[in-house]
């Protein structure tokens, strides 16, 4: 279920996925894949991702689009090869 722009919870939690890349780190929200950033350090990437999320929320509100719900969970699953 998605929140509408007019019924946003005052606080939502999103799941960030960080990947080490050649230039530093890439960050992306699991529940909102369009929110993606890069940074030289993990801290820089995290801050940039937070800024991008705020901007995306504002853009969705202005456009009257539904805002994806957060609350996902990532789990690493070990496998023998």
PDB file of N, CA and C in Angstrom:
ATOM      1  N   UNK A   1       0.841  -1.182   0.000  1.00  0.00           N
ATOM      2  CA  UNK A   1       0.000   0.000   0.000  1.00  0.00           C
ATOM      3  C   UNK A   1       0.889   1.248   0.000  1.00  0.00           C
ATOM      4  N   UNK A   2       0.490   2.252  -0.717  1.00  0.00           N
ATOM      5  CA  UNK A   2       1.294   3.461  -0.796  1.00  0.00           C
ATOM      6  C   UNK A   2       0.583   4.614  -0.111  1.00  0.00           C
ATOM      7  N   UNK A   3       1.380   5.527   0.452  1.00  0.00           N
ATOM      8  CA  UNK A   3       0.810   6.729   1.071  1.00  0.00           C
ATOM      9  C   UNK A   3       0.532   7.746  -0.023  1.00  0.00           C
ATOM     10  N   UNK A   4      -0.557   8.450   0.104  1.00  0.00           N
ATOM     11  CA  UNK A   4      -0.810   9.529  -0.840  1.00  0.00           C
ATOM     12  C   UNK A   4      -0.064  10.753  -0.344  1.00  0.00           C
ATOM     13  N   UNK A   5       0.117  11.702  -1.224  1.00  0.00           N
ATOM     14  CA  UNK A   5       0.858  12.908  -0.853  1.00  0.00           C
ATOM     15  C   UNK A   5       0.197  13.632   0.313  1.00  0.00           C
ATOM     16  N   UNK A   6      -1.112  13.498   0.463  1.00  0.00           N
ATOM     17  CA  UNK A   6      -1.816  14.213   1.514  1.00  0.00           C
ATOM     18  C   UNK A   6      -1.890  13.443   2.825  1.00  0.00           C
ATOM     19  N   UNK A   7      -1.517  12.158   2.815  1.00  0.00           N
ATOM     20  CA  UNK A   7      -1.602  11.347   4.022  1.00  0.00           C
ATOM     21  C   UNK A   7      -0.238  10.752   4.360  1.00  0.00           C
ATOM     22  N   UNK A   8       0.741  11.588   4.504  1.00  0.00           N
ATOM     23  CA  UNK A   8       2.092  11.142   4.804  1.00  0.00           C
ATOM     24  C   UNK A   8       2.262  11.043   6.302  1.00  0.00           C
ATOM     25  N   UNK A   9       2.843   9.941   6.720  1.00  0.00           N
ATOM     26  CA  UNK A   9       3.175   9.795   8.129  1.00  0.00           C
ATOM     27  C   UNK A   9       4.241  10.833   8.445  1.00  0.00           C
ATOM     28  N   UNK A  10       4.205  11.425   9.651  1.00  0.00           N
ATOM     29  CA  UNK A  10       5.220  12.421   9.986  1.00  0.00           C
ATOM     30  C   UNK A  10       6.629  11.830   9.995  1.00  0.00           C
ATOM     31  N   UNK A  11       6.719  10.518  10.099  1.00  0.00           N
ATOM     32  CA  UNK A  11       8.024   9.864  10.110  1.00  0.00           C
ATOM     33  C   UNK A  11       7.928   8.515   9.412  1.00  0.00           C
ATOM     34  N   UNK A  12       8.774   8.318   8.405  1.00  0.00           N
ATOM     35  CA  UNK A  12       8.848   7.033   7.705  1.00  0.00           C
ATOM     36  C   UNK A  12      10.291   6.583   7.720  1.00  0.00           C
ATOM     37  N   UNK A  13      10.478   5.301   7.619  1.00  0.00           N
ATOM     38  CA  UNK A  13      11.816   4.734   7.566  1.00  0.00           C
ATOM     39  C   UNK A  13      11.973   3.993   6.243  1.00  0.00           C
ATOM     40  N   UNK A  14      13.063   4.272   5.550  1.00  0.00           N
ATOM     41  CA  UNK A  14      13.355   3.583   4.299  1.00  0.00           C
ATOM     42  C   UNK A  14      14.621   2.756   4.461  1.00  0.00           C
ATOM     43  N   UNK A  15      14.757   1.745   3.627  1.00  0.00           N
ATOM     44  CA  UNK A  15      15.898   0.838   3.673  1.00  0.00           C
ATOM     45  C   UNK A  15      16.915   1.250   2.613  1.00  0.00           C
ATOM     46  N   UNK A  16      18.121   1.611   3.057  1.00  0.00           N
ATOM     47  CA  UNK A  16      19.178   2.017   2.135  1.00  0.00           C
ATOM     48  C   UNK A  16      20.103   0.842   1.851  1.00  0.00           C
ATOM     49  N   UNK A  17      20.490   0.733   0.608  1.00  0.00           N
ATOM     50  CA  UNK A  17      21.442  -0.293   0.181  1.00  0.00           C
ATOM     51  C   UNK A  17      22.668   0.441  -0.354  1.00  0.00           C
ATOM     52  N   UNK A  18      23.828   0.125   0.189  1.00  0.00           N
ATOM     53  CA  UNK A  18      25.067   0.778  -0.236  1.00  0.00           C
ATOM     54  C   UNK A  18      25.967  -0.245  -0.921  1.00  0.00           C
ATOM     55  N   UNK A  19      26.530   0.167  -2.044  1.00  0.00           N
ATOM     56  CA  UNK A  19      27.413  -0.700  -2.816  1.00  0.00           C
ATOM     57  C   UNK A  19      28.733   0.029  -3.038  1.00  0.00           C
ATOM     58  N   UNK A  20      29.844  -0.661  -2.783  1.00  0.00           N
ATOM     59  CA  UNK A  20      31.165  -0.090  -3.039  1.00  0.00           C
ATOM     60  C   UNK A  20      31.382  -0.067  -4.544  1.00  0.00           C
ATOM     61  N   UNK A  21      31.717   1.110  -5.069  1.00  0.00           N
ATOM     62  CA  UNK A  21      32.013   1.269  -6.494  1.00  0.00           C
ATOM     63  C   UNK A  21      33.399   1.888  -6.629  1.00  0.00           C
ATOM     64  N   UNK A  22      33.892   1.965  -7.831  1.00  0.00           N
ATOM     65  CA  UNK A  22      35.247   2.470  -8.072  1.00  0.00           C
ATOM     66  C   UNK A  22      35.466   3.876  -7.515  1.00  0.00           C
ATOM     67  N   UNK A  23      34.466   4.745  -7.650  1.00  0.00           N
ATOM     68  CA  UNK A  23      34.615   6.136  -7.213  1.00  0.00           C
ATOM     69  C   UNK A  23      34.209   6.360  -5.754  1.00  0.00           C
ATOM     70  N   UNK A  24      33.781   5.320  -5.052  1.00  0.00           N
ATOM     71  CA  UNK A  24      33.376   5.453  -3.654  1.00  0.00           C
ATOM     72  C   UNK A  24      32.239   4.519  -3.319  1.00  0.00           C
ATOM     73  N   UNK A  25      31.041   5.103  -3.132  1.00  0.00           N
ATOM     74  CA  UNK A  25      29.854   4.316  -2.783  1.00  0.00           C
ATOM     75  C   UNK A  25      28.642   4.786  -3.566  1.00  0.00           C
ATOM     76  N   UNK A  26      27.775   3.840  -3.868  1.00  0.00           N
ATOM     77  CA  UNK A  26      26.485   4.141  -4.469  1.00  0.00           C
ATOM     78  C   UNK A  26      25.429   3.764  -3.438  1.00  0.00           C
ATOM     79  N   UNK A  27      24.443   4.641  -3.238  1.00  0.00           N
ATOM     80  CA  UNK A  27      23.358   4.359  -2.309  1.00  0.00           C
ATOM     81  C   UNK A  27      22.032   4.396  -3.034  1.00  0.00           C
ATOM     82  N   UNK A  28      21.129   3.489  -2.647  1.00  0.00           N
ATOM     83  CA  UNK A  28      19.822   3.414  -3.275  1.00  0.00           C
ATOM     84  C   UNK A  28      18.804   2.964  -2.230  1.00  0.00           C
ATOM     85  N   UNK A  29      17.597   3.484  -2.324  1.00  0.00           N
ATOM     86  CA  UNK A  29      16.540   3.051  -1.420  1.00  0.00           C
ATOM     87  C   UNK A  29      15.856   1.821  -2.004  1.00  0.00           C
ATOM     88  N   UNK A  30      15.728   0.795  -1.197  1.00  0.00           N
ATOM     89  CA  UNK A  30      15.132  -0.462  -1.646  1.00  0.00           C
ATOM     90  C   UNK A  30      13.674  -0.249  -2.049  1.00  0.00           C
ATOM     91  N   UNK A  31      12.912   0.469  -1.227  1.00  0.00           N
ATOM     92  CA  UNK A  31      11.497   0.669  -1.489  1.00  0.00           C
ATOM     93  C   UNK A  31      11.221   1.747  -2.539  1.00  0.00           C
ATOM     94  N   UNK A  32      12.225   2.529  -2.876  1.00  0.00           N
ATOM     95  CA  UNK A  32      12.053   3.648  -3.810  1.00  0.00           C
ATOM     96  C   UNK A  32      13.307   3.711  -4.689  1.00  0.00           C
ATOM     97  N   UNK A  33      13.430   2.773  -5.651  1.00  0.00           N
ATOM     98  CA  UNK A  33      14.663   2.632  -6.447  1.00  0.00           C
ATOM     99  C   UNK A  33      15.090   3.872  -7.223  1.00  0.00           C
ATOM    100  N   UNK A  34      14.145   4.800  -7.472  1.00  0.00           N
ATOM    101  CA  UNK A  34      14.505   6.036  -8.184  1.00  0.00           C
ATOM    102  C   UNK A  34      15.379   6.954  -7.336  1.00  0.00           C
ATOM    103  N   UNK A  35      15.405   6.728  -6.033  1.00  0.00           N
ATOM    104  CA  UNK A  35      16.241   7.545  -5.139  1.00  0.00           C
ATOM    105  C   UNK A  35      17.602   6.849  -5.054  1.00  0.00           C
ATOM    106  N   UNK A  36      18.558   7.391  -5.798  1.00  0.00           N
ATOM    107  CA  UNK A  36      19.887   6.783  -5.911  1.00  0.00           C
ATOM    108  C   UNK A  36      20.943   7.885  -5.959  1.00  0.00           C
ATOM    109  N   UNK A  37      22.034   7.687  -5.241  1.00  0.00           N
ATOM    110  CA  UNK A  37      23.100   8.695  -5.198  1.00  0.00           C
ATOM    111  C   UNK A  37      24.468   8.015  -5.151  1.00  0.00           C
ATOM    112  N   UNK A  38      25.500   8.845  -5.228  1.00  0.00           N
ATOM    113  CA  UNK A  38      26.879   8.385  -5.073  1.00  0.00           C
ATOM    114  C   UNK A  38      27.623   9.340  -4.152  1.00  0.00           C
ATOM    115  N   UNK A  39      28.694   8.847  -3.561  1.00  0.00           N
ATOM    116  CA  UNK A  39      29.548   9.682  -2.729  1.00  0.00           C
ATOM    117  C   UNK A  39      30.937   9.072  -2.633  1.00  0.00           C
ATOM    118  N   UNK A  40      31.921   9.915  -2.374  1.00  0.00           N
ATOM    119  CA  UNK A  40      33.296   9.411  -2.242  1.00  0.00           C
ATOM    120  C   UNK A  40      33.458   8.534  -1.008  1.00  0.00           C
ATOM    121  N   UNK A  41      32.734   8.873   0.052  1.00  0.00           N
ATOM    122  CA  UNK A  41      32.778   8.072   1.285  1.00  0.00           C
ATOM    123  C   UNK A  41      31.366   7.586   1.599  1.00  0.00           C
ATOM    124  N   UNK A  42      31.265   6.614   2.483  1.00  0.00           N
ATOM    125  CA  UNK A  42      29.956   6.117   2.893  1.00  0.00           C
ATOM    126  C   UNK A  42      29.145   7.231   3.550  1.00  0.00           C
ATOM    127  N   UNK A  43      29.794   8.042   4.366  1.00  0.00           N
ATOM    128  CA  UNK A  43      29.104   9.143   5.044  1.00  0.00           C
ATOM    129  C   UNK A  43      28.563  10.158   4.038  1.00  0.00           C
ATOM    130  N   UNK A  44      29.373  10.481   3.022  1.00  0.00           N
ATOM    131  CA  UNK A  44      28.957  11.430   1.983  1.00  0.00           C
ATOM    132  C   UNK A  44      27.786  10.858   1.186  1.00  0.00           C
ATOM    133  N   UNK A  45      27.857   9.586   0.875  1.00  0.00           N
ATOM    134  CA  UNK A  45      26.789   8.925   0.136  1.00  0.00           C
ATOM    135  C   UNK A  45      25.508   8.903   0.958  1.00  0.00           C
ATOM    136  N   UNK A  46      25.623   8.600   2.234  1.00  0.00           N
ATOM    137  CA  UNK A  46      24.468   8.550   3.137  1.00  0.00           C
ATOM    138  C   UNK A  46      23.783   9.929   3.210  1.00  0.00           C
ATOM    139  N   UNK A  47      24.583  10.975   3.363  1.00  0.00           N
ATOM    140  CA  UNK A  47      24.033  12.337   3.438  1.00  0.00           C
ATOM    141  C   UNK A  47      23.365  12.724   2.118  1.00  0.00           C
ATOM    142  N   UNK A  48      23.986  12.361   1.024  1.00  0.00           N
ATOM    143  CA  UNK A  48      23.437  12.668  -0.295  1.00  0.00           C
ATOM    144  C   UNK A  48      22.127  11.913  -0.519  1.00  0.00           C
ATOM    145  N   UNK A  49      22.064  10.670  -0.051  1.00  0.00           N
ATOM    146  CA  UNK A  49      20.852   9.873  -0.195  1.00  0.00           C
ATOM    147  C   UNK A  49      19.712  10.475   0.624  1.00  0.00           C
ATOM    148  N   UNK A  50      20.033  10.935   1.810  1.00  0.00           N
ATOM    149  CA  UNK A  50      19.027  11.577   2.663  1.00  0.00           C
ATOM    150  C   UNK A  50      18.491  12.849   1.982  1.00  0.00           C
ATOM    151  N   UNK A  51      19.394  13.656   1.408  1.00  0.00           N
ATOM    152  CA  UNK A  51      18.979  14.872   0.690  1.00  0.00           C
ATOM    153  C   UNK A  51      18.102  14.531  -0.515  1.00  0.00           C
ATOM    154  N   UNK A  52      18.517  13.508  -1.266  1.00  0.00           N
ATOM    155  CA  UNK A  52      17.751  13.097  -2.446  1.00  0.00           C
ATOM    156  C   UNK A  52      16.362  12.610  -2.056  1.00  0.00           C
ATOM    157  N   UNK A  53      16.264  11.913  -0.926  1.00  0.00           N
ATOM    158  CA  UNK A  53      14.970  11.443  -0.449  1.00  0.00           C
ATOM    159  C   UNK A  53      14.049  12.619  -0.127  1.00  0.00           C
ATOM    160  N   UNK A  54      14.571  13.608   0.578  1.00  0.00           N
ATOM    161  CA  UNK A  54      13.762  14.789   0.911  1.00  0.00           C
ATOM    162  C   UNK A  54      13.291  15.507  -0.356  1.00  0.00           C
ATOM    163  N   UNK A  55      14.173  15.639  -1.339  1.00  0.00           N
ATOM    164  CA  UNK A  55      13.808  16.296  -2.595  1.00  0.00           C
ATOM    165  C   UNK A  55      12.745  15.499  -3.348  1.00  0.00           C
ATOM    166  N   UNK A  56      12.883  14.169  -3.352  1.00  0.00           N
ATOM    167  CA  UNK A  56      11.930  13.320  -4.051  1.00  0.00           C
ATOM    168  C   UNK A  56      10.553  13.389  -3.383  1.00  0.00           C
ATOM    169  N   UNK A  57      10.526  13.412  -2.062  1.00  0.00           N
ATOM    170  CA  UNK A  57       9.257  13.536  -1.342  1.00  0.00           C
ATOM    171  C   UNK A  57       8.567  14.846  -1.714  1.00  0.00           C
ATOM    172  N   UNK A  58       9.318  15.932  -1.722  1.00  0.00           N
ATOM    173  CA  UNK A  58       8.740  17.231  -2.078  1.00  0.00           C
ATOM    174  C   UNK A  58       8.221  17.229  -3.513  1.00  0.00           C
ATOM    175  N   UNK A  59       8.973  16.616  -4.432  1.00  0.00           N
ATOM    176  CA  UNK A  59       8.535  16.557  -5.835  1.00  0.00           C
ATOM    177  C   UNK A  59       7.256  15.738  -5.960  1.00  0.00           C
ATOM    178  N   UNK A  60       7.165  14.619  -5.258  1.00  0.00           N
ATOM    179  CA  UNK A  60       5.961  13.786  -5.320  1.00  0.00           C
ATOM    180  C   UNK A  60       4.766  14.527  -4.731  1.00  0.00           C
ATOM    181  N   UNK A  61       4.977  15.257  -3.654  1.00  0.00           N
ATOM    182  CA  UNK A  61       3.890  16.034  -3.054  1.00  0.00           C
ATOM    183  C   UNK A  61       3.389  17.081  -4.050  1.00  0.00           C
ATOM    184  N   UNK A  62       4.309  17.802  -4.690  1.00  0.00           N
ATOM    185  CA  UNK A  62       3.928  18.839  -5.644  1.00  0.00           C
ATOM    186  C   UNK A  62       3.175  18.248  -6.839  1.00  0.00           C
ATOM    187  N   UNK A  63       3.559  17.034  -7.241  1.00  0.00           N
ATOM    188  CA  UNK A  63       2.920  16.392  -8.390  1.00  0.00           C
ATOM    189  C   UNK A  63       1.672  15.596  -8.005  1.00  0.00           C
ATOM    190  N   UNK A  64       1.413  15.479  -6.698  1.00  0.00           N
ATOM    191  CA  UNK A  64       0.261  14.716  -6.233  1.00  0.00           C
ATOM    192  C   UNK A  64       0.413  13.222  -6.415  1.00  0.00           C
ATOM    193  N   UNK A  65       1.660  12.750  -6.507  1.00  0.00           N
ATOM    194  CA  UNK A  65       1.920  11.326  -6.698  1.00  0.00           C
ATOM    195  C   UNK A  65       1.955  10.592  -5.355  1.00  0.00           C
ATOM    196  N   UNK A  66       1.724   9.290  -5.408  1.00  0.00           N
ATOM    197  CA  UNK A  66       1.790   8.466  -4.208  1.00  0.00           C
ATOM    198  C   UNK A  66       3.246   8.286  -3.783  1.00  0.00           C
ATOM    199  N   UNK A  67       3.473   8.385  -2.490  1.00  0.00           N
ATOM    200  CA  UNK A  67       4.815   8.222  -1.940  1.00  0.00           C
ATOM    201  C   UNK A  67       4.966   6.774  -1.471  1.00  0.00           C
ATOM    202  N   UNK A  68       5.975   6.066  -1.973  1.00  0.00           N
ATOM    203  CA  UNK A  68       6.157   4.673  -1.560  1.00  0.00           C
ATOM    204  C   UNK A  68       6.345   4.547  -0.047  1.00  0.00           C
ATOM    205  N   UNK A  69       5.776   3.501   0.505  1.00  0.00           N
ATOM    206  CA  UNK A  69       5.939   3.211   1.923  1.00  0.00           C
ATOM    207  C   UNK A  69       7.329   2.645   2.165  1.00  0.00           C
ATOM    208  N   UNK A  70       7.897   2.982   3.290  1.00  0.00           N
ATOM    209  CA  UNK A  70       9.181   2.432   3.691  1.00  0.00           C
ATOM    210  C   UNK A  70       8.974   1.195   4.533  1.00  0.00           C
ATOM    211  N   UNK A  71       9.995   0.848   5.294  1.00  0.00           N
ATOM    212  CA  UNK A  71       9.890  -0.261   6.235  1.00  0.00           C
ATOM    213  C   UNK A  71      10.382  -1.590   5.705  1.00  0.00           C
ATOM    214  N   UNK A  72      11.152  -1.575   4.625  1.00  0.00           N
ATOM    215  CA  UNK A  72      11.682  -2.823   4.087  1.00  0.00           C
ATOM    216  C   UNK A  72      12.752  -3.415   4.986  1.00  0.00           C
ATOM    217  N   UNK A  73      13.165  -4.596   4.665  1.00  0.00           N
ATOM    218  CA  UNK A  73      14.183  -5.302   5.439  1.00  0.00           C
ATOM    219  C   UNK A  73      15.126  -5.997   4.483  1.00  0.00           C
ATOM    220  N   UNK A  74      16.417  -5.794   4.675  1.00  0.00           N
ATOM    221  CA  UNK A  74      17.421  -6.503   3.899  1.00  0.00           C
ATOM    222  C   UNK A  74      18.034  -7.585   4.768  1.00  0.00           C
ATOM    223  N   UNK A  75      18.307  -8.702   4.159  1.00  0.00           N
ATOM    224  CA  UNK A  75      18.934  -9.789   4.897  1.00  0.00           C
ATOM    225  C   UNK A  75      19.982 -10.427   4.000  1.00  0.00           C
ATOM    226  N   UNK A  76      21.149 -10.682   4.563  1.00  0.00           N
ATOM    227  CA  UNK A  76      22.185 -11.400   3.816  1.00  0.00           C
ATOM    228  C   UNK A  76      21.978 -12.890   4.046  1.00  0.00           C
ATOM    229  N   UNK A  77      21.973 -13.629   2.946  1.00  0.00           N
ATOM    230  CA  UNK A  77      21.758 -15.066   3.025  1.00  0.00           C
ATOM    231  C   UNK A  77      23.029 -15.766   2.566  1.00  0.00           C
ATOM    232  N   UNK A  78      23.684 -16.496   3.485  1.00  0.00           N
ATOM    233  CA  UNK A  78      24.909 -17.203   3.113  1.00  0.00           C
ATOM    234  C   UNK A  78      24.595 -18.420   2.226  1.00  0.00           C
ATOM    235  N   UNK A  79      25.493 -18.691   1.321  1.00  0.00           N
ATOM    236  CA  UNK A  79      25.333 -19.852   0.453  1.00  0.00           C
ATOM    237  C   UNK A  79      26.710 -20.464   0.202  1.00  0.00           C
ATOM    238  N   UNK A  80      26.776 -21.769   0.177  1.00  0.00           N
ATOM    239  CA  UNK A  80      28.042 -22.454  -0.127  1.00  0.00           C
ATOM    240  C   UNK A  80      28.149 -22.631  -1.630  1.00  0.00           C
ATOM    241  N   UNK A  81      29.356 -22.362  -2.140  1.00  0.00           N
ATOM    242  CA  UNK A  81      29.582 -22.495  -3.585  1.00  0.00           C
ATOM    243  C   UNK A  81      30.614 -23.573  -3.805  1.00  0.00           C
TER     244      UNK A  81
END
